Amino acid sequence: MEWKHSVAYLFGGVFLTNAVPHFVSGVMGRPFQSPFAKPPGQGLSSSTVNVLWGFFNLVIGYVLICRVGSFSLRSTGNVVFLGLGILLMSVMTARSFGRFHGGNSPGNS
């Protein structure tokens, strides 16, 4: 597997993971942090903005995983890089969004 494909799958996992909280919050009609809020990443954006941002991340994730190289779920290398991207972004967003929603210290509410 070429290193370029590995990087694409890693970032594909990052974008797919980032799509989840934005898209789900938007579909539920809830405001949520986004890069378009003031201040960026801290203020709340409308549910519509979050649906659009989540969908954009989903499209980029799809392109990076399905259109770069020949991604295969049977290829351990492909899955490891995708999974690593998912794990890294999941931990990063848990810490980042946890600041605003009490997830970093749930016993202190």
Protein backbone atom coordinates (compact mmCIF):
# COMPACT_ATOMS: atom_id res chain seq x y z
CA MET A 1 0.00 0.00 0.00
CA GLU A 2 1.34 3.41 -0.94
CA TRP A 3 1.92 5.90 1.87
CA LYS A 4 -0.39 8.38 0.12
CA HIS A 5 -3.25 5.91 0.43
CA SER A 6 -2.49 5.38 4.12
CA VAL A 7 -2.63 9.12 4.74
CA ALA A 8 -5.88 9.39 2.77
CA TYR A 9 -7.50 6.60 4.84
CA LEU A 10 -6.28 8.16 8.09
CA PHE A 11 -7.81 11.52 7.18
CA GLY A 12 -10.89 9.79 5.80
CA GLY A 13 -11.45 8.40 9.30
CA VAL A 14 -10.91 11.88 10.76
CA PHE A 15 -13.51 13.45 8.47
CA LEU A 16 -16.06 10.65 8.94
CA THR A 17 -15.73 10.95 12.70
CA ASN A 18 -16.09 14.73 12.61
CA ALA A 19 -19.27 14.35 10.56
CA VAL A 20 -21.07 12.46 13.33
CA PRO A 21 -21.55 15.06 16.11
CA HIS A 22 -22.31 17.88 13.70
CA PHE A 23 -24.77 15.95 11.55
CA VAL A 24 -26.53 14.29 14.50
CA SER A 25 -26.85 17.54 16.47
CA GLY A 26 -28.15 19.30 13.37
CA VAL A 27 -30.70 16.61 12.56
CA MET A 28 -31.89 16.72 16.17
CA GLY A 29 -32.41 20.47 15.78
CA ARG A 30 -29.77 21.38 18.34
CA PRO A 31 -27.14 24.10 18.04
CA PHE A 32 -23.56 22.85 18.32
CA GLN A 33 -20.00 24.17 18.09
CA SER A 34 -18.60 24.56 14.60
CA PRO A 35 -15.78 26.38 12.84
CA PHE A 36 -18.34 28.95 11.65
CA ALA A 37 -19.45 30.08 15.10
CA LYS A 38 -18.10 33.09 16.98
CA PRO A 39 -15.60 32.34 18.40
CA PRO A 40 -14.80 29.51 15.97
CA GLY A 41 -15.08 26.08 17.52
CA GLN A 42 -16.46 27.46 20.77
CA GLY A 43 -19.64 29.34 19.99
CA LEU A 44 -22.78 27.60 18.81
CA SER A 45 -23.90 27.32 15.20
CA SER A 46 -27.45 26.65 14.08
CA SER A 47 -28.71 23.15 13.44
CA THR A 48 -28.80 23.90 9.70
CA VAL A 49 -25.14 24.95 9.64
CA ASN A 50 -24.24 21.77 11.51
CA VAL A 51 -26.16 19.53 9.10
CA LEU A 52 -24.34 21.16 6.18
CA TRP A 53 -20.93 20.95 7.91
CA GLY A 54 -21.55 17.33 8.89
CA PHE A 55 -22.59 16.42 5.36
CA PHE A 56 -19.52 18.15 3.93
CA ASN A 57 -17.28 16.11 6.26
CA LEU A 58 -19.10 12.94 5.20
CA VAL A 59 -18.47 13.70 1.52
CA ILE A 60 -14.76 14.42 2.12
CA GLY A 61 -14.45 11.21 4.15
CA TYR A 62 -16.11 9.24 1.36
CA VAL A 63 -13.80 10.70 -1.28
CA LEU A 64 -10.67 9.98 0.78
CA ILE A 65 -11.68 6.40 1.56
CA CYS A 66 -13.54 5.24 -1.52
CA ARG A 67 -11.93 7.26 -4.31
CA VAL A 68 -8.27 7.20 -3.31
CA GLY A 69 -6.55 3.90 -3.94
CA SER A 70 -8.49 0.66 -3.51
CA PHE A 71 -9.74 0.60 0.08
CA SER A 72 -10.63 -2.90 1.25
CA LEU A 73 -12.11 -3.94 4.59
CA ARG A 74 -10.12 -7.18 4.16
CA SER A 75 -6.83 -5.28 4.11
CA THR A 76 -5.49 -4.97 7.64
CA GLY A 77 -3.31 -2.00 6.66
CA ASN A 78 -6.27 -0.11 5.19
CA VAL A 79 -8.43 -0.75 8.24
CA VAL A 80 -5.64 0.14 10.69
CA PHE A 81 -5.14 3.59 9.15
CA LEU A 82 -8.89 4.24 8.92
CA GLY A 83 -9.34 3.10 12.52
CA LEU A 84 -6.43 5.20 13.70
CA GLY A 85 -7.97 8.30 12.11
CA ILE A 86 -11.30 7.49 13.77
CA LEU A 87 -9.67 6.94 17.16
CA LEU A 88 -7.52 10.09 17.02
CA MET A 89 -10.42 12.33 16.02
CA SER A 90 -12.76 10.69 18.54
CA VAL A 91 -10.41 11.39 21.45
CA MET A 92 -9.71 14.90 20.21
CA THR A 93 -13.40 15.80 19.81
CA ALA A 94 -14.31 14.15 23.13
CA ARG A 95 -11.80 16.40 24.88
CA SER A 96 -12.73 19.49 22.89
CA PHE A 97 -16.52 19.20 23.09
CA GLY A 98 -16.30 17.81 26.62
CA ARG A 99 -15.19 21.26 27.79
CA PHE A 100 -18.54 22.67 26.77
CA HIS A 101 -20.85 19.79 27.67
CA GLY A 102 -19.35 18.52 30.93
CA GLY A 103 -17.85 15.37 29.51
CA ASN A 104 -14.31 16.01 30.75
CA SER A 105 -15.33 16.07 34.41
CA PRO A 106 -18.82 14.52 34.76
CA GLY A 107 -18.72 14.36 38.56
CA ASN A 108 -18.31 18.14 38.91
CA SER A 109 -21.66 19.31 37.60
